[in-house]
Amino acid sequence: MKAALQIEITFEQILALIKSLPKRERIKLSKELEREIIDSKLSKLLETFKTDELSLETIDAEVEKVRQDIYDEQKR
């Protein structure tokens, strides 16, 4: 039997939870969030072009742009 639990927590509470994680787990979470962002941006790109067929160059360029955006955000 599974039960669903819904709670409301603030951003600050989430941040505190993340900071309490061991470094290895924070890195793992960070990589997963980066993957989510990349997937989301690529999905938007596919939706914009309304095709399942994109050139590898287009995909590579978009991935590189997302990576650069993430890097720039981390430097701030």
PDB file of N, CA and C in Angstrom:
ATOM      1  N   MET A   1       0.830  -1.174   0.000  1.00  0.00           N
ATOM      2  CA  MET A   1       0.000   0.000   0.000  1.00  0.00           C
ATOM      3  C   MET A   1       0.882   1.249   0.000  1.00  0.00           C
ATOM      4  N   LYS A   2       0.560   2.182  -0.867  1.00  0.00           N
ATOM      5  CA  LYS A   2       1.302   3.431  -0.937  1.00  0.00           C
ATOM      6  C   LYS A   2       0.410   4.567  -0.476  1.00  0.00           C
ATOM      7  N   ALA A   3       1.017   5.513   0.197  1.00  0.00           N
ATOM      8  CA  ALA A   3       0.289   6.692   0.653  1.00  0.00           C
ATOM      9  C   ALA A   3       0.994   7.930   0.123  1.00  0.00           C
ATOM     10  N   ALA A   4       0.214   8.870  -0.308  1.00  0.00           N
ATOM     11  CA  ALA A   4       0.776  10.123  -0.798  1.00  0.00           C
ATOM     12  C   ALA A   4       0.721  11.149   0.323  1.00  0.00           C
ATOM     13  N   LEU A   5       1.802  11.876   0.467  1.00  0.00           N
ATOM     14  CA  LEU A   5       1.886  12.898   1.492  1.00  0.00           C
ATOM     15  C   LEU A   5       2.202  14.215   0.811  1.00  0.00           C
ATOM     16  N   GLN A   6       1.408  15.202   1.075  1.00  0.00           N
ATOM     17  CA  GLN A   6       1.655  16.521   0.510  1.00  0.00           C
ATOM     18  C   GLN A   6       1.902  17.500   1.648  1.00  0.00           C
ATOM     19  N   ILE A   7       3.030  18.177   1.571  1.00  0.00           N
ATOM     20  CA  ILE A   7       3.353  19.188   2.567  1.00  0.00           C
ATOM     21  C   ILE A   7       3.824  20.442   1.847  1.00  0.00           C
ATOM     22  N   GLU A   8       3.644  21.550   2.486  1.00  0.00           N
ATOM     23  CA  GLU A   8       4.125  22.805   1.926  1.00  0.00           C
ATOM     24  C   GLU A   8       5.384  23.206   2.678  1.00  0.00           C
ATOM     25  N   ILE A   9       6.461  23.411   1.906  1.00  0.00           N
ATOM     26  CA  ILE A   9       7.701  23.879   2.512  1.00  0.00           C
ATOM     27  C   ILE A   9       8.226  25.045   1.697  1.00  0.00           C
ATOM     28  N   THR A  10       8.936  25.904   2.370  1.00  0.00           N
ATOM     29  CA  THR A  10       9.457  27.101   1.709  1.00  0.00           C
ATOM     30  C   THR A  10      10.768  26.775   0.992  1.00  0.00           C
ATOM     31  N   PHE A  11      11.163  27.687   0.145  1.00  0.00           N
ATOM     32  CA  PHE A  11      12.443  27.544  -0.539  1.00  0.00           C
ATOM     33  C   PHE A  11      13.583  27.466   0.469  1.00  0.00           C
ATOM     34  N   GLU A  12      13.500  28.293   1.507  1.00  0.00           N
ATOM     35  CA  GLU A  12      14.548  28.297   2.527  1.00  0.00           C
ATOM     36  C   GLU A  12      14.640  26.949   3.233  1.00  0.00           C
ATOM     37  N   GLN A  13      13.494  26.306   3.474  1.00  0.00           N
ATOM     38  CA  GLN A  13      13.495  24.985   4.104  1.00  0.00           C
ATOM     39  C   GLN A  13      14.126  23.941   3.184  1.00  0.00           C
ATOM     40  N   ILE A  14      13.808  24.028   1.897  1.00  0.00           N
ATOM     41  CA  ILE A  14      14.405  23.104   0.924  1.00  0.00           C
ATOM     42  C   ILE A  14      15.912  23.310   0.882  1.00  0.00           C
ATOM     43  N   LEU A  15      16.321  24.554   0.834  1.00  0.00           N
ATOM     44  CA  LEU A  15      17.747  24.881   0.803  1.00  0.00           C
ATOM     45  C   LEU A  15      18.460  24.349   2.046  1.00  0.00           C
ATOM     46  N   ALA A  16      17.838  24.486   3.193  1.00  0.00           N
ATOM     47  CA  ALA A  16      18.432  23.980   4.432  1.00  0.00           C
ATOM     48  C   ALA A  16      18.573  22.462   4.378  1.00  0.00           C
ATOM     49  N   LEU A  17      17.564  21.787   3.835  1.00  0.00           N
ATOM     50  CA  LEU A  17      17.643  20.332   3.695  1.00  0.00           C
ATOM     51  C   LEU A  17      18.790  19.932   2.776  1.00  0.00           C
ATOM     52  N   ILE A  18      18.917  20.640   1.669  1.00  0.00           N
ATOM     53  CA  ILE A  18      19.982  20.333   0.709  1.00  0.00           C
ATOM     54  C   ILE A  18      21.344  20.563   1.339  1.00  0.00           C
ATOM     55  N   LYS A  19      21.479  21.651   2.082  1.00  0.00           N
ATOM     56  CA  LYS A  19      22.762  21.948   2.723  1.00  0.00           C
ATOM     57  C   LYS A  19      23.125  20.915   3.780  1.00  0.00           C
ATOM     58  N   SER A  20      22.126  20.232   4.306  1.00  0.00           N
ATOM     59  CA  SER A  20      22.399  19.218   5.332  1.00  0.00           C
ATOM     60  C   SER A  20      22.836  17.882   4.727  1.00  0.00           C
ATOM     61  N   LEU A  21      22.705  17.752   3.403  1.00  0.00           N
ATOM     62  CA  LEU A  21      23.132  16.522   2.736  1.00  0.00           C
ATOM     63  C   LEU A  21      24.655  16.421   2.710  1.00  0.00           C
ATOM     64  N   PRO A  22      25.174  15.206   2.668  1.00  0.00           N
ATOM     65  CA  PRO A  22      26.615  15.048   2.471  1.00  0.00           C
ATOM     66  C   PRO A  22      27.015  15.601   1.097  1.00  0.00           C
ATOM     67  N   LYS A  23      28.261  15.998   0.964  1.00  0.00           N
ATOM     68  CA  LYS A  23      28.740  16.618  -0.276  1.00  0.00           C
ATOM     69  C   LYS A  23      28.460  15.749  -1.494  1.00  0.00           C
ATOM     70  N   ARG A  24      28.678  14.446  -1.378  1.00  0.00           N
ATOM     71  CA  ARG A  24      28.455  13.530  -2.506  1.00  0.00           C
ATOM     72  C   ARG A  24      26.989  13.573  -2.969  1.00  0.00           C
ATOM     73  N   GLU A  25      26.077  13.627  -2.017  1.00  0.00           N
ATOM     74  CA  GLU A  25      24.656  13.671  -2.359  1.00  0.00           C
ATOM     75  C   GLU A  25      24.269  15.017  -2.976  1.00  0.00           C
ATOM     76  N   ARG A  26      24.877  16.106  -2.493  1.00  0.00           N
ATOM     77  CA  ARG A  26      24.607  17.429  -3.091  1.00  0.00           C
ATOM     78  C   ARG A  26      25.081  17.470  -4.537  1.00  0.00           C
ATOM     79  N   ILE A  27      26.235  16.883  -4.803  1.00  0.00           N
ATOM     80  CA  ILE A  27      26.762  16.838  -6.168  1.00  0.00           C
ATOM     81  C   ILE A  27      25.825  16.010  -7.051  1.00  0.00           C
ATOM     82  N   LYS A  28      25.379  14.889  -6.533  1.00  0.00           N
ATOM     83  CA  LYS A  28      24.454  14.027  -7.281  1.00  0.00           C
ATOM     84  C   LYS A  28      23.157  14.785  -7.588  1.00  0.00           C
ATOM     85  N   LEU A  29      22.628  15.496  -6.618  1.00  0.00           N
ATOM     86  CA  LEU A  29      21.416  16.288  -6.808  1.00  0.00           C
ATOM     87  C   LEU A  29      21.645  17.389  -7.840  1.00  0.00           C
ATOM     88  N   SER A  30      22.779  18.052  -7.761  1.00  0.00           N
ATOM     89  CA  SER A  30      23.117  19.110  -8.708  1.00  0.00           C
ATOM     90  C   SER A  30      23.153  18.583 -10.135  1.00  0.00           C
ATOM     91  N   LYS A  31      23.779  17.435 -10.321  1.00  0.00           N
ATOM     92  CA  LYS A  31      23.859  16.849 -11.664  1.00  0.00           C
ATOM     93  C   LYS A  31      22.480  16.465 -12.177  1.00  0.00           C
ATOM     94  N   GLU A  32      21.641  15.949 -11.307  1.00  0.00           N
ATOM     95  CA  GLU A  32      20.282  15.574 -11.709  1.00  0.00           C
ATOM     96  C   GLU A  32      19.470  16.806 -12.098  1.00  0.00           C
ATOM     97  N   LEU A  33      19.624  17.889 -11.349  1.00  0.00           N
ATOM     98  CA  LEU A  33      18.927  19.129 -11.685  1.00  0.00           C
ATOM     99  C   LEU A  33      19.420  19.692 -13.017  1.00  0.00           C
ATOM    100  N   GLU A  34      20.720  19.623 -13.263  1.00  0.00           N
ATOM    101  CA  GLU A  34      21.266  20.069 -14.549  1.00  0.00           C
ATOM    102  C   GLU A  34      20.669  19.250 -15.689  1.00  0.00           C
ATOM    103  N   ARG A  35      20.568  17.948 -15.483  1.00  0.00           N
ATOM    104  CA  ARG A  35      19.991  17.069 -16.499  1.00  0.00           C
ATOM    105  C   ARG A  35      18.539  17.442 -16.772  1.00  0.00           C
ATOM    106  N   GLU A  36      17.795  17.765 -15.710  1.00  0.00           N
ATOM    107  CA  GLU A  36      16.401  18.176 -15.859  1.00  0.00           C
ATOM    108  C   GLU A  36      16.299  19.461 -16.682  1.00  0.00           C
ATOM    109  N   ILE A  37      17.177  20.409 -16.397  1.00  0.00           N
ATOM    110  CA  ILE A  37      17.167  21.680 -17.129  1.00  0.00           C
ATOM    111  C   ILE A  37      17.470  21.439 -18.601  1.00  0.00           C
ATOM    112  N   ILE A  38      18.479  20.639 -18.867  1.00  0.00           N
ATOM    113  CA  ILE A  38      18.844  20.343 -20.257  1.00  0.00           C
ATOM    114  C   ILE A  38      17.696  19.645 -20.962  1.00  0.00           C
ATOM    115  N   ASP A  39      17.102  18.654 -20.318  1.00  0.00           N
ATOM    116  CA  ASP A  39      15.967  17.948 -20.923  1.00  0.00           C
ATOM    117  C   ASP A  39      14.819  18.900 -21.211  1.00  0.00           C
ATOM    118  N   SER A  40      14.556  19.788 -20.262  1.00  0.00           N
ATOM    119  CA  SER A  40      13.469  20.743 -20.422  1.00  0.00           C
ATOM    120  C   SER A  40      13.734  21.681 -21.597  1.00  0.00           C
ATOM    121  N   LYS A  41      14.949  22.200 -21.676  1.00  0.00           N
ATOM    122  CA  LYS A  41      15.280  23.129 -22.763  1.00  0.00           C
ATOM    123  C   LYS A  41      15.254  22.422 -24.120  1.00  0.00           C
ATOM    124  N   LEU A  42      15.735  21.190 -24.166  1.00  0.00           N
ATOM    125  CA  LEU A  42      15.699  20.451 -25.429  1.00  0.00           C
ATOM    126  C   LEU A  42      14.262  20.128 -25.822  1.00  0.00           C
ATOM    127  N   SER A  43      13.417  19.829 -24.845  1.00  0.00           N
ATOM    128  CA  SER A  43      12.005  19.573 -25.140  1.00  0.00           C
ATOM    129  C   SER A  43      11.349  20.817 -25.727  1.00  0.00           C
ATOM    130  N   LYS A  44      11.671  21.985 -25.143  1.00  0.00           N
ATOM    131  CA  LYS A  44      11.131  23.235 -25.685  1.00  0.00           C
ATOM    132  C   LYS A  44      11.617  23.453 -27.115  1.00  0.00           C
ATOM    133  N   LEU A  45      12.870  23.133 -27.369  1.00  0.00           N
ATOM    134  CA  LEU A  45      13.422  23.287 -28.711  1.00  0.00           C
ATOM    135  C   LEU A  45      12.693  22.373 -29.697  1.00  0.00           C
ATOM    136  N   LEU A  46      12.491  21.125 -29.299  1.00  0.00           N
ATOM    137  CA  LEU A  46      11.770  20.191 -30.169  1.00  0.00           C
ATOM    138  C   LEU A  46      10.352  20.672 -30.424  1.00  0.00           C
ATOM    139  N   GLU A  47       9.704  21.190 -29.399  1.00  0.00           N
ATOM    140  CA  GLU A  47       8.342  21.690 -29.560  1.00  0.00           C
ATOM    141  C   GLU A  47       8.315  22.892 -30.498  1.00  0.00           C
ATOM    142  N   THR A  48       9.322  23.751 -30.381  1.00  0.00           N
ATOM    143  CA  THR A  48       9.395  24.938 -31.233  1.00  0.00           C
ATOM    144  C   THR A  48       9.504  24.549 -32.704  1.00  0.00           C
ATOM    145  N   PHE A  49      10.344  23.563 -32.976  1.00  0.00           N
ATOM    146  CA  PHE A  49      10.523  23.135 -34.356  1.00  0.00           C
ATOM    147  C   PHE A  49       9.446  22.164 -34.802  1.00  0.00           C
ATOM    148  N   LYS A  50       8.670  21.620 -33.831  1.00  0.00           N
ATOM    149  CA  LYS A  50       7.588  20.674 -34.113  1.00  0.00           C
ATOM    150  C   LYS A  50       8.036  19.543 -35.021  1.00  0.00           C
ATOM    151  N   THR A  51       9.157  18.958 -34.661  1.00  0.00           N
ATOM    152  CA  THR A  51       9.674  17.823 -35.407  1.00  0.00           C
ATOM    153  C   THR A  51      10.462  16.938 -34.455  1.00  0.00           C
ATOM    154  N   ASP A  52      10.521  15.673 -34.771  1.00  0.00           N
ATOM    155  CA  ASP A  52      11.330  14.756 -33.985  1.00  0.00           C
ATOM    156  C   ASP A  52      12.719  14.615 -34.583  1.00  0.00           C
ATOM    157  N   GLU A  53      12.929  15.259 -35.721  1.00  0.00           N
ATOM    158  CA  GLU A  53      14.206  15.126 -36.413  1.00  0.00           C
ATOM    159  C   GLU A  53      14.967  16.441 -36.382  1.00  0.00           C
ATOM    160  N   LEU A  54      16.030  16.450 -35.632  1.00  0.00           N
ATOM    161  CA  LEU A  54      16.911  17.609 -35.576  1.00  0.00           C
ATOM    162  C   LEU A  54      18.307  17.153 -35.952  1.00  0.00           C
ATOM    163  N   SER A  55      19.058  18.068 -36.507  1.00  0.00           N
ATOM    164  CA  SER A  55      20.436  17.709 -36.834  1.00  0.00           C
ATOM    165  C   SER A  55      21.251  17.626 -35.551  1.00  0.00           C
ATOM    166  N   LEU A  56      22.271  16.835 -35.584  1.00  0.00           N
ATOM    167  CA  LEU A  56      23.158  16.696 -34.434  1.00  0.00           C
ATOM    168  C   LEU A  56      23.806  18.039 -34.100  1.00  0.00           C
ATOM    169  N   GLU A  57      24.095  18.829 -35.114  1.00  0.00           N
ATOM    170  CA  GLU A  57      24.701  20.136 -34.890  1.00  0.00           C
ATOM    171  C   GLU A  57      23.769  21.054 -34.089  1.00  0.00           C
ATOM    172  N   THR A  58      22.477  21.030 -34.417  1.00  0.00           N
ATOM    173  CA  THR A  58      21.498  21.851 -33.697  1.00  0.00           C
ATOM    174  C   THR A  58      21.406  21.415 -32.243  1.00  0.00           C
ATOM    175  N   ILE A  59      21.341  20.125 -32.024  1.00  0.00           N
ATOM    176  CA  ILE A  59      21.256  19.591 -30.665  1.00  0.00           C
ATOM    177  C   ILE A  59      22.519  19.940 -29.888  1.00  0.00           C
ATOM    178  N   ASP A  60      23.684  19.730 -30.503  1.00  0.00           N
ATOM    179  CA  ASP A  60      24.949  20.048 -29.835  1.00  0.00           C
ATOM    180  C   ASP A  60      25.032  21.530 -29.474  1.00  0.00           C
ATOM    181  N   ALA A  61      24.594  22.388 -30.381  1.00  0.00           N
ATOM    182  CA  ALA A  61      24.638  23.826 -30.130  1.00  0.00           C
ATOM    183  C   ALA A  61      23.730  24.198 -28.962  1.00  0.00           C
ATOM    184  N   GLU A  62      22.540  23.606 -28.920  1.00  0.00           N
ATOM    185  CA  GLU A  62      21.609  23.904 -27.833  1.00  0.00           C
ATOM    186  C   GLU A  62      22.128  23.370 -26.500  1.00  0.00           C
ATOM    187  N   VAL A  63      22.680  22.174 -26.501  1.00  0.00           N
ATOM    188  CA  VAL A  63      23.248  21.599 -25.275  1.00  0.00           C
ATOM    189  C   VAL A  63      24.383  22.476 -24.769  1.00  0.00           C
ATOM    190  N   GLU A  64      25.228  22.921 -25.665  1.00  0.00           N
ATOM    191  CA  GLU A  64      26.347  23.779 -25.266  1.00  0.00           C
ATOM    192  C   GLU A  64      25.841  25.099 -24.698  1.00  0.00           C
ATOM    193  N   LYS A  65      24.789  25.657 -25.288  1.00  0.00           N
ATOM    194  CA  LYS A  65      24.209  26.907 -24.780  1.00  0.00           C
ATOM    195  C   LYS A  65      23.669  26.700 -23.370  1.00  0.00           C
ATOM    196  N   VAL A  66      22.974  25.601 -23.151  1.00  0.00           N
ATOM    197  CA  VAL A  66      22.429  25.310 -21.820  1.00  0.00           C
ATOM    198  C   VAL A  66      23.562  25.130 -20.811  1.00  0.00           C
ATOM    199  N   ARG A  67      24.589  24.403 -21.202  1.00  0.00           N
ATOM    200  CA  ARG A  67      25.735  24.210 -20.313  1.00  0.00           C
ATOM    201  C   ARG A  67      26.380  25.544 -19.959  1.00  0.00           C
ATOM    202  N   GLN A  68      26.524  26.406 -20.941  1.00  0.00           N
ATOM    203  CA  GLN A  68      27.117  27.720 -20.691  1.00  0.00           C
ATOM    204  C   GLN A  68      26.236  28.536 -19.757  1.00  0.00           C
ATOM    205  N   ASP A  69      24.912  28.471 -19.961  1.00  0.00           N
ATOM    206  CA  ASP A  69      23.986  29.180 -19.077  1.00  0.00           C
ATOM    207  C   ASP A  69      24.134  28.688 -17.637  1.00  0.00           C
ATOM    208  N   ILE A  70      24.225  27.386 -17.464  1.00  0.00           N
ATOM    209  CA  ILE A  70      24.383  26.804 -16.125  1.00  0.00           C
ATOM    210  C   ILE A  70      25.705  27.259 -15.515  1.00  0.00           C
ATOM    211  N   TYR A  71      26.761  27.213 -16.297  1.00  0.00           N
ATOM    212  CA  TYR A  71      28.082  27.640 -15.819  1.00  0.00           C
ATOM    213  C   TYR A  71      28.048  29.108 -15.400  1.00  0.00           C
ATOM    214  N   ASP A  72      27.411  29.951 -16.230  1.00  0.00           N
ATOM    215  CA  ASP A  72      27.323  31.370 -15.925  1.00  0.00           C
ATOM    216  C   ASP A  72      26.542  31.606 -14.630  1.00  0.00           C
ATOM    217  N   GLU A  73      25.467  30.849 -14.444  1.00  0.00           N
ATOM    218  CA  GLU A  73      24.665  30.970 -13.224  1.00  0.00           C
ATOM    219  C   GLU A  73      25.489  30.595 -12.002  1.00  0.00           C
ATOM    220  N   GLN A  74      26.302  29.561 -12.107  1.00  0.00           N
ATOM    221  CA  GLN A  74      27.094  29.097 -10.978  1.00  0.00           C
ATOM    222  C   GLN A  74      28.198  30.088 -10.624  1.00  0.00           C
ATOM    223  N   LYS A  75      28.653  30.863 -11.587  1.00  0.00           N
ATOM    224  CA  LYS A  75      29.720  31.829 -11.333  1.00  0.00           C
ATOM    225  C   LYS A  75      29.197  33.064 -10.607  1.00  0.00           C
ATOM    226  N   ARG A  76      27.906  33.311 -10.674  1.00  0.00           N
ATOM    227  CA  ARG A  76      27.329  34.533 -10.040  1.00  0.00           C
ATOM    228  C   ARG A  76      27.351  34.450  -8.558  1.00  0.00           C
TER     229      ARG A  76
END
